[in-house]
Amino acid sequence: MQSTYDPQMIYDVFDRYGFAILRIDQFDRGNYAKIRAELKYEKLTTDSLLEITTKLKTLEKNENLEIHIINIDMIHKTMRLNIITKEQENRAAIT
């Protein structure tokens, strides 16, 4: 992911990794977005937490993102994430 300007691209990327996005905020900064995603688990077990972490780590690596988990809310079955694109970092390292 090169930027966060296109919310539909964010929806599509997270959907590919099994996360349904409920809300995206501050995507217009271009390199940052706040996301609220649905969790499809009745209970959060260590196995389901490992599954979530593995998916997020794969998404982070494949899409060139930095992902911060802000909150997991099992009452509403959601999690809040902040994503930061690494594209600008890579360009600065090349030049």
N, C-alpha and C. Protein backbone atom coordinates (compact mmCIF):
# COMPACT_ATOMS: atom_id res chain seq x y z
N MET A 1 0.86 -1.17 0.00
CA MET A 1 0.00 0.00 0.00
C MET A 1 0.90 1.23 0.00
N GLN A 2 0.71 2.09 -0.97
CA GLN A 2 1.57 3.27 -1.10
C GLN A 2 1.05 4.47 -0.33
N SER A 3 -0.27 4.56 -0.21
CA SER A 3 -0.85 5.69 0.54
C SER A 3 -2.19 5.27 1.10
N THR A 4 -2.75 6.14 1.94
CA THR A 4 -4.05 5.87 2.55
C THR A 4 -5.14 6.77 1.97
N TYR A 5 -4.84 7.47 0.88
CA TYR A 5 -5.81 8.41 0.32
C TYR A 5 -7.09 7.74 -0.17
N ASP A 6 -7.01 6.50 -0.62
CA ASP A 6 -8.17 5.81 -1.19
C ASP A 6 -8.75 4.84 -0.15
N PRO A 7 -9.83 5.21 0.52
CA PRO A 7 -10.39 4.33 1.55
C PRO A 7 -10.82 2.97 0.99
N GLN A 8 -11.27 2.93 -0.25
CA GLN A 8 -11.70 1.66 -0.82
C GLN A 8 -10.53 0.68 -0.91
N MET A 9 -9.36 1.19 -1.20
CA MET A 9 -8.18 0.33 -1.25
C MET A 9 -7.89 -0.25 0.14
N ILE A 10 -8.07 0.54 1.18
CA ILE A 10 -7.87 0.06 2.54
C ILE A 10 -8.90 -1.02 2.87
N TYR A 11 -10.17 -0.78 2.52
CA TYR A 11 -11.21 -1.80 2.73
C TYR A 11 -10.83 -3.10 2.03
N ASP A 12 -10.39 -3.01 0.78
CA ASP A 12 -10.05 -4.19 -0.01
C ASP A 12 -8.86 -4.95 0.56
N VAL A 13 -7.82 -4.22 0.94
CA VAL A 13 -6.60 -4.85 1.49
C VAL A 13 -6.94 -5.61 2.77
N PHE A 14 -7.64 -4.98 3.68
CA PHE A 14 -7.96 -5.64 4.94
C PHE A 14 -8.93 -6.80 4.73
N ASP A 15 -9.83 -6.67 3.77
CA ASP A 15 -10.76 -7.75 3.47
C ASP A 15 -10.01 -8.99 2.98
N ARG A 16 -8.97 -8.81 2.19
CA ARG A 16 -8.16 -9.94 1.70
C ARG A 16 -7.55 -10.73 2.85
N TYR A 17 -7.31 -10.08 3.96
CA TYR A 17 -6.69 -10.74 5.11
C TYR A 17 -7.72 -11.14 6.16
N GLY A 18 -9.00 -11.02 5.84
CA GLY A 18 -10.06 -11.50 6.71
C GLY A 18 -10.57 -10.53 7.75
N PHE A 19 -10.31 -9.23 7.55
CA PHE A 19 -10.79 -8.22 8.48
C PHE A 19 -11.81 -7.32 7.79
N ALA A 20 -13.03 -7.30 8.33
CA ALA A 20 -14.06 -6.40 7.82
C ALA A 20 -13.91 -5.05 8.52
N ILE A 21 -13.66 -4.02 7.75
CA ILE A 21 -13.49 -2.68 8.32
C ILE A 21 -14.85 -2.03 8.52
N LEU A 22 -15.06 -1.49 9.70
CA LEU A 22 -16.30 -0.79 10.02
C LEU A 22 -16.17 0.71 9.85
N ARG A 23 -14.95 1.23 10.03
CA ARG A 23 -14.74 2.68 9.97
C ARG A 23 -13.28 2.98 9.69
N ILE A 24 -13.06 4.04 8.89
CA ILE A 24 -11.71 4.54 8.64
C ILE A 24 -11.71 6.04 8.91
N ASP A 25 -10.76 6.51 9.69
CA ASP A 25 -10.62 7.94 9.99
C ASP A 25 -9.21 8.41 9.65
N GLN A 26 -9.08 9.67 9.36
CA GLN A 26 -7.80 10.35 9.11
C GLN A 26 -7.00 9.75 7.97
N PHE A 27 -7.68 9.11 7.02
CA PHE A 27 -6.99 8.52 5.86
C PHE A 27 -6.46 9.59 4.91
N ASP A 28 -6.99 10.81 5.01
CA ASP A 28 -6.61 11.88 4.09
C ASP A 28 -5.22 12.45 4.37
N ARG A 29 -4.55 11.94 5.38
CA ARG A 29 -3.16 12.36 5.63
C ARG A 29 -2.21 11.72 4.62
N GLY A 30 -2.64 10.64 4.01
CA GLY A 30 -1.85 10.01 2.95
C GLY A 30 -0.94 8.90 3.41
N ASN A 31 -0.45 8.98 4.64
CA ASN A 31 0.45 7.93 5.12
C ASN A 31 -0.01 7.33 6.44
N TYR A 32 -1.25 7.62 6.84
CA TYR A 32 -1.72 7.23 8.16
C TYR A 32 -3.23 7.10 8.12
N ALA A 33 -3.76 6.14 8.86
CA ALA A 33 -5.21 6.02 9.00
C ALA A 33 -5.53 5.33 10.32
N LYS A 34 -6.68 5.69 10.87
CA LYS A 34 -7.22 5.02 12.05
C LYS A 34 -8.33 4.10 11.56
N ILE A 35 -8.30 2.87 12.02
CA ILE A 35 -9.23 1.86 11.51
C ILE A 35 -9.94 1.18 12.68
N ARG A 36 -11.22 0.93 12.49
CA ARG A 36 -11.97 0.07 13.41
C ARG A 36 -12.41 -1.13 12.57
N ALA A 37 -11.99 -2.32 13.00
CA ALA A 37 -12.29 -3.54 12.26
C ALA A 37 -13.11 -4.49 13.13
N GLU A 38 -13.93 -5.26 12.47
CA GLU A 38 -14.75 -6.25 13.15
C GLU A 38 -13.92 -7.49 13.46
N LEU A 39 -14.14 -8.06 14.63
CA LEU A 39 -13.53 -9.34 15.00
C LEU A 39 -14.61 -10.41 14.93
N LYS A 40 -14.30 -11.51 14.30
CA LYS A 40 -15.30 -12.56 14.11
C LYS A 40 -15.08 -13.70 15.10
N TYR A 41 -14.90 -13.36 16.34
CA TYR A 41 -14.66 -14.35 17.39
C TYR A 41 -15.64 -14.10 18.52
N GLU A 42 -16.25 -15.18 19.03
CA GLU A 42 -17.14 -15.04 20.18
C GLU A 42 -16.32 -14.81 21.46
N LYS A 43 -15.21 -15.55 21.55
CA LYS A 43 -14.29 -15.41 22.69
C LYS A 43 -12.90 -15.19 22.13
N LEU A 44 -12.09 -14.46 22.84
CA LEU A 44 -10.71 -14.23 22.43
C LEU A 44 -9.82 -15.20 23.20
N THR A 45 -9.44 -16.28 22.53
CA THR A 45 -8.56 -17.27 23.13
C THR A 45 -7.13 -16.97 22.70
N THR A 46 -6.18 -17.68 23.28
CA THR A 46 -4.79 -17.49 22.86
C THR A 46 -4.61 -17.90 21.41
N ASP A 47 -5.32 -18.94 20.97
CA ASP A 47 -5.23 -19.36 19.56
C ASP A 47 -5.80 -18.31 18.62
N SER A 48 -6.94 -17.71 18.98
CA SER A 48 -7.52 -16.69 18.11
C SER A 48 -6.67 -15.42 18.11
N LEU A 49 -6.07 -15.11 19.25
CA LEU A 49 -5.17 -13.96 19.31
C LEU A 49 -3.93 -14.19 18.44
N LEU A 50 -3.41 -15.39 18.44
CA LEU A 50 -2.29 -15.75 17.59
C LEU A 50 -2.69 -15.65 16.11
N GLU A 51 -3.90 -16.09 15.78
CA GLU A 51 -4.40 -15.99 14.40
C GLU A 51 -4.50 -14.53 13.95
N ILE A 52 -5.05 -13.69 14.80
CA ILE A 52 -5.16 -12.26 14.49
C ILE A 52 -3.78 -11.66 14.28
N THR A 53 -2.88 -11.96 15.18
CA THR A 53 -1.51 -11.43 15.11
C THR A 53 -0.81 -11.90 13.84
N THR A 54 -0.96 -13.15 13.50
CA THR A 54 -0.33 -13.68 12.28
C THR A 54 -0.87 -13.00 11.04
N LYS A 55 -2.19 -12.81 10.98
CA LYS A 55 -2.79 -12.12 9.82
C LYS A 55 -2.29 -10.68 9.73
N LEU A 56 -2.26 -9.98 10.87
CA LEU A 56 -1.80 -8.59 10.87
C LEU A 56 -0.33 -8.49 10.50
N LYS A 57 0.48 -9.41 10.98
CA LYS A 57 1.91 -9.41 10.66
C LYS A 57 2.12 -9.67 9.17
N THR A 58 1.36 -10.58 8.59
CA THR A 58 1.44 -10.86 7.15
C THR A 58 0.99 -9.66 6.35
N LEU A 59 -0.11 -9.04 6.77
CA LEU A 59 -0.61 -7.83 6.10
C LEU A 59 0.44 -6.72 6.18
N GLU A 60 1.03 -6.54 7.33
CA GLU A 60 2.04 -5.51 7.54
C GLU A 60 3.23 -5.72 6.59
N LYS A 61 3.68 -6.94 6.48
CA LYS A 61 4.84 -7.25 5.64
C LYS A 61 4.50 -7.13 4.15
N ASN A 62 3.39 -7.74 3.73
CA ASN A 62 3.03 -7.77 2.31
C ASN A 62 2.59 -6.41 1.77
N GLU A 63 2.01 -5.58 2.62
CA GLU A 63 1.49 -4.29 2.17
C GLU A 63 2.40 -3.13 2.56
N ASN A 64 3.55 -3.42 3.13
CA ASN A 64 4.53 -2.39 3.49
C ASN A 64 3.93 -1.36 4.46
N LEU A 65 3.35 -1.88 5.55
CA LEU A 65 2.70 -1.05 6.55
C LEU A 65 3.33 -1.26 7.92
N GLU A 66 3.10 -0.30 8.78
CA GLU A 66 3.35 -0.46 10.21
C GLU A 66 1.98 -0.41 10.86
N ILE A 67 1.66 -1.43 11.65
CA ILE A 67 0.34 -1.52 12.27
C ILE A 67 0.49 -1.46 13.78
N HIS A 68 -0.29 -0.57 14.40
CA HIS A 68 -0.33 -0.46 15.86
C HIS A 68 -1.73 -0.89 16.31
N ILE A 69 -1.78 -1.86 17.20
CA ILE A 69 -3.06 -2.27 17.78
C ILE A 69 -3.33 -1.33 18.95
N ILE A 70 -4.41 -0.60 18.86
CA ILE A 70 -4.75 0.39 19.88
C ILE A 70 -5.67 -0.18 20.95
N ASN A 71 -6.65 -0.97 20.50
CA ASN A 71 -7.64 -1.49 21.44
C ASN A 71 -8.32 -2.71 20.85
N ILE A 72 -8.57 -3.70 21.69
CA ILE A 72 -9.42 -4.83 21.31
C ILE A 72 -10.60 -4.81 22.26
N ASP A 73 -11.80 -4.73 21.69
CA ASP A 73 -13.04 -4.60 22.45
C ASP A 73 -13.90 -5.83 22.19
N MET A 74 -13.87 -6.78 23.10
CA MET A 74 -14.63 -8.01 22.87
C MET A 74 -16.11 -7.85 23.21
N ILE A 75 -16.47 -6.78 23.89
CA ILE A 75 -17.90 -6.52 24.11
C ILE A 75 -18.56 -6.20 22.77
N HIS A 76 -17.91 -5.37 21.97
CA HIS A 76 -18.45 -5.00 20.66
C HIS A 76 -17.82 -5.81 19.52
N LYS A 77 -16.87 -6.67 19.86
CA LYS A 77 -16.16 -7.53 18.89
C LYS A 77 -15.49 -6.70 17.79
N THR A 78 -14.72 -5.71 18.23
CA THR A 78 -13.98 -4.84 17.31
C THR A 78 -12.56 -4.64 17.81
N MET A 79 -11.72 -4.16 16.92
CA MET A 79 -10.39 -3.72 17.33
C MET A 79 -10.08 -2.43 16.59
N ARG A 80 -9.33 -1.58 17.28
CA ARG A 80 -8.88 -0.32 16.68
C ARG A 80 -7.41 -0.46 16.34
N LEU A 81 -7.08 -0.04 15.13
CA LEU A 81 -5.71 -0.10 14.64
C LEU A 81 -5.33 1.24 14.06
N ASN A 82 -4.07 1.57 14.14
CA ASN A 82 -3.52 2.69 13.38
C ASN A 82 -2.56 2.07 12.37
N ILE A 83 -2.66 2.52 11.12
CA ILE A 83 -1.72 2.04 10.11
C ILE A 83 -0.89 3.20 9.59
N ILE A 84 0.35 2.92 9.30
CA ILE A 84 1.28 3.91 8.75
C ILE A 84 1.95 3.26 7.55
N THR A 85 1.91 3.95 6.41
CA THR A 85 2.57 3.41 5.23
C THR A 85 4.07 3.62 5.36
N LYS A 86 4.84 2.69 4.84
CA LYS A 86 6.30 2.79 4.91
C LYS A 86 6.88 3.30 3.61
N GLU A 87 6.04 3.64 2.64
CA GLU A 87 6.51 4.08 1.32
C GLU A 87 7.43 5.29 1.41
N GLN A 88 7.08 6.28 2.21
CA GLN A 88 7.91 7.46 2.32
C GLN A 88 9.27 7.12 2.93
N GLU A 89 9.30 6.21 3.90
CA GLU A 89 10.57 5.78 4.50
C GLU A 89 11.49 5.17 3.45
N ASN A 90 10.92 4.32 2.59
CA ASN A 90 11.71 3.64 1.57
C ASN A 90 12.26 4.64 0.55
N ARG A 91 11.47 5.61 0.18
CA ARG A 91 11.94 6.63 -0.79
C ARG A 91 13.08 7.43 -0.20
N ALA A 92 12.99 7.78 1.07
CA ALA A 92 14.04 8.57 1.72
C ALA A 92 15.33 7.76 1.80
N ALA A 93 15.24 6.46 1.99
CA ALA A 93 16.43 5.63 2.09
C ALA A 93 17.11 5.47 0.72
N ILE A 94 16.32 5.50 -0.36
CA ILE A 94 16.85 5.32 -1.71
C ILE A 94 17.57 6.57 -2.17
N THR A 95 17.01 7.75 -1.87
CA THR A 95 17.63 9.00 -2.34
C THR A 95 18.74 9.50 -1.48
